[in-house]
Amino acid sequence: MKVPHVLTLIAAIVFVALGVACVLLGFSVRGLRIEVAGQEGEVRAAEARNADLALAMQVTEERMEREEQGNQALRKELLQRQAAVQAQQEQINQGTVIAQQIAPNLLHDMAEASVKNDKIKQLLTRHGYTVQPK
């Protein structure tokens, strides 16, 4: 064999080997591209989920803010009602004190007046009071 033939044969073998290596590398690169595309799809899906969750969180925060404003209005109304109830209770307490002070004296004076006035005596009797003359 002549040297040019050997060199040609070696070159052909090298080219075939390089061709096979290129084909194998092409398949490997294709597989990696498919894998990367799948991972990119997963990333896009995760980003979409994150965007949905961010929107849901924003809606929830807005709802919480509205509810907090409503709660503040209810607290204010509650404080106003508590103040009104307290004022009414003070009036009731004052009325009770007055009734406890005046009622016995008033009944005593009416009992004394009923000795001379039959209408007052009938009024007291109608309400369950009996007067004993002294």
Protein backbone atom coordinates (compact mmCIF):
# COMPACT_ATOMS: atom_id res chain seq x y z
CA MET A 1 0.00 0.00 0.00
CA LYS A 2 1.12 3.31 -0.81
CA VAL A 3 1.34 6.07 1.74
CA PRO A 4 -1.27 8.27 0.10
CA HIS A 5 -3.72 5.37 0.22
CA VAL A 6 -2.98 4.77 3.89
CA LEU A 7 -3.37 8.44 4.66
CA THR A 8 -6.62 8.50 2.75
CA LEU A 9 -7.83 5.42 4.63
CA ILE A 10 -6.83 6.89 7.97
CA ALA A 11 -8.48 10.18 7.06
CA ALA A 12 -11.64 8.32 6.01
CA ILE A 13 -11.68 6.37 9.29
CA VAL A 14 -11.15 9.57 11.26
CA PHE A 15 -13.91 11.32 9.34
CA VAL A 16 -16.29 8.39 9.90
CA ALA A 17 -15.38 8.35 13.58
CA LEU A 18 -15.91 12.09 13.79
CA GLY A 19 -19.20 11.73 11.94
CA VAL A 20 -20.36 9.04 14.37
CA ALA A 21 -19.19 11.23 17.28
CA CYS A 22 -21.12 14.18 15.81
CA VAL A 23 -24.24 12.06 15.43
CA LEU A 24 -23.91 10.79 19.03
CA LEU A 25 -23.25 14.30 20.29
CA GLY A 26 -26.25 15.51 18.28
CA PHE A 27 -28.48 12.94 19.98
CA SER A 28 -27.05 13.89 23.35
CA VAL A 29 -27.57 17.62 22.68
CA ARG A 30 -31.11 16.90 21.44
CA GLY A 31 -31.84 15.00 24.67
CA LEU A 32 -30.43 17.85 26.74
CA ARG A 33 -32.50 20.38 24.79
CA ILE A 34 -35.64 18.34 25.42
CA GLU A 35 -34.74 18.15 29.11
CA VAL A 36 -34.07 21.91 29.27
CA ALA A 37 -37.37 22.62 27.49
CA GLY A 38 -39.19 20.48 30.08
CA GLN A 39 -37.46 22.32 32.89
CA GLU A 40 -38.31 25.67 31.28
CA GLY A 41 -41.95 24.52 31.16
CA GLU A 42 -41.78 23.65 34.85
CA VAL A 43 -40.25 27.06 35.59
CA ARG A 44 -43.02 28.82 33.62
CA ALA A 45 -45.65 26.77 35.46
CA ALA A 46 -44.05 27.64 38.81
CA GLU A 47 -43.92 31.32 37.84
CA ALA A 48 -47.60 31.18 36.84
CA ARG A 49 -48.46 29.57 40.20
CA ASN A 50 -46.42 32.25 41.97
CA ALA A 51 -48.27 34.97 40.06
CA ASP A 52 -51.63 33.38 40.95
CA LEU A 53 -50.60 33.09 44.59
CA ALA A 54 -49.37 36.70 44.62
CA LEU A 55 -52.72 37.84 43.21
CA ALA A 56 -54.61 35.72 45.74
CA MET A 57 -52.45 37.16 48.52
CA GLN A 58 -53.13 40.71 47.32
CA VAL A 59 -56.88 40.02 47.24
CA THR A 60 -56.70 38.51 50.72
CA GLU A 61 -54.75 41.48 52.06
CA GLU A 62 -57.29 43.90 50.55
CA ARG A 63 -60.14 41.89 52.09
CA MET A 64 -58.37 41.88 55.45
CA GLU A 65 -57.90 45.65 55.21
CA ARG A 66 -61.61 46.16 54.46
CA GLU A 67 -62.55 43.87 57.35
CA GLU A 68 -60.20 45.74 59.68
CA GLN A 69 -61.82 49.03 58.66
CA GLY A 70 -65.21 47.45 59.34
CA ASN A 71 -63.97 46.22 62.70
CA GLN A 72 -62.75 49.70 63.58
CA ALA A 73 -66.18 51.11 62.73
CA LEU A 74 -67.81 48.42 64.88
CA ARG A 75 -65.42 49.18 67.76
CA LYS A 76 -66.28 52.87 67.52
CA GLU A 77 -70.00 52.08 67.51
CA LEU A 78 -69.54 49.69 70.44
CA LEU A 79 -67.74 52.36 72.46
CA GLN A 80 -70.52 54.83 71.71
CA ARG A 81 -73.17 52.33 72.77
CA GLN A 82 -71.23 51.47 75.92
CA ALA A 83 -71.05 55.17 76.78
CA ALA A 84 -74.81 55.50 76.20
CA VAL A 85 -75.53 52.46 78.38
CA GLN A 86 -73.25 53.82 81.09
CA ALA A 87 -75.05 57.18 81.00
CA GLN A 88 -78.42 55.39 81.24
CA GLN A 89 -77.13 53.28 84.13
CA GLU A 90 -76.03 56.42 85.95
CA GLN A 91 -79.50 57.91 85.46
CA ILE A 92 -81.07 54.70 86.76
CA ASN A 93 -78.76 54.71 89.77
CA GLN A 94 -79.60 58.35 90.49
CA GLY A 95 -83.32 57.56 90.19
CA THR A 96 -82.95 54.62 92.56
CA VAL A 97 -81.16 56.76 95.12
CA ILE A 98 -83.85 59.42 94.86
CA ALA A 99 -86.61 56.81 95.12
CA GLN A 100 -85.00 55.27 98.18
CA GLN A 101 -84.74 58.66 99.85
CA ILE A 102 -88.10 60.14 98.86
CA ALA A 103 -90.46 57.14 98.68
CA PRO A 104 -90.53 56.30 102.43
CA ASN A 105 -90.98 59.95 103.37
CA LEU A 106 -93.70 60.42 100.74
CA LEU A 107 -95.59 57.33 101.92
CA HIS A 108 -95.29 58.45 105.51
CA ASP A 109 -96.66 61.92 104.66
CA MET A 110 -99.48 60.39 102.59
CA ALA A 111 -100.35 58.07 105.49
CA GLU A 112 -100.60 61.06 107.81
CA ALA A 113 -102.71 62.95 105.26
CA SER A 114 -105.00 59.94 104.75
CA VAL A 115 -106.24 60.26 108.32
CA LYS A 116 -107.96 63.49 107.26
CA ASN A 117 -108.53 62.71 103.54
CA ASP A 118 -110.52 59.63 102.48
CA LYS A 119 -109.44 59.88 98.83
CA ILE A 120 -105.79 59.53 99.80
CA LYS A 121 -106.71 56.65 102.11
CA GLN A 122 -108.54 54.88 99.23
CA LEU A 123 -105.57 55.47 96.94
CA LEU A 124 -103.19 53.90 99.46
CA THR A 125 -105.55 50.99 100.08
CA ARG A 126 -105.93 50.39 96.34
CA HIS A 127 -102.14 49.99 96.10
CA GLY A 128 -101.87 47.65 99.07
CA TYR A 129 -101.08 50.05 101.93
CA THR A 130 -103.14 50.08 105.06
CA VAL A 131 -103.02 53.00 107.45
CA GLN A 132 -103.58 52.52 111.16
CA PRO A 133 -104.82 55.66 112.87
CA LYS A 134 -102.78 56.70 115.90
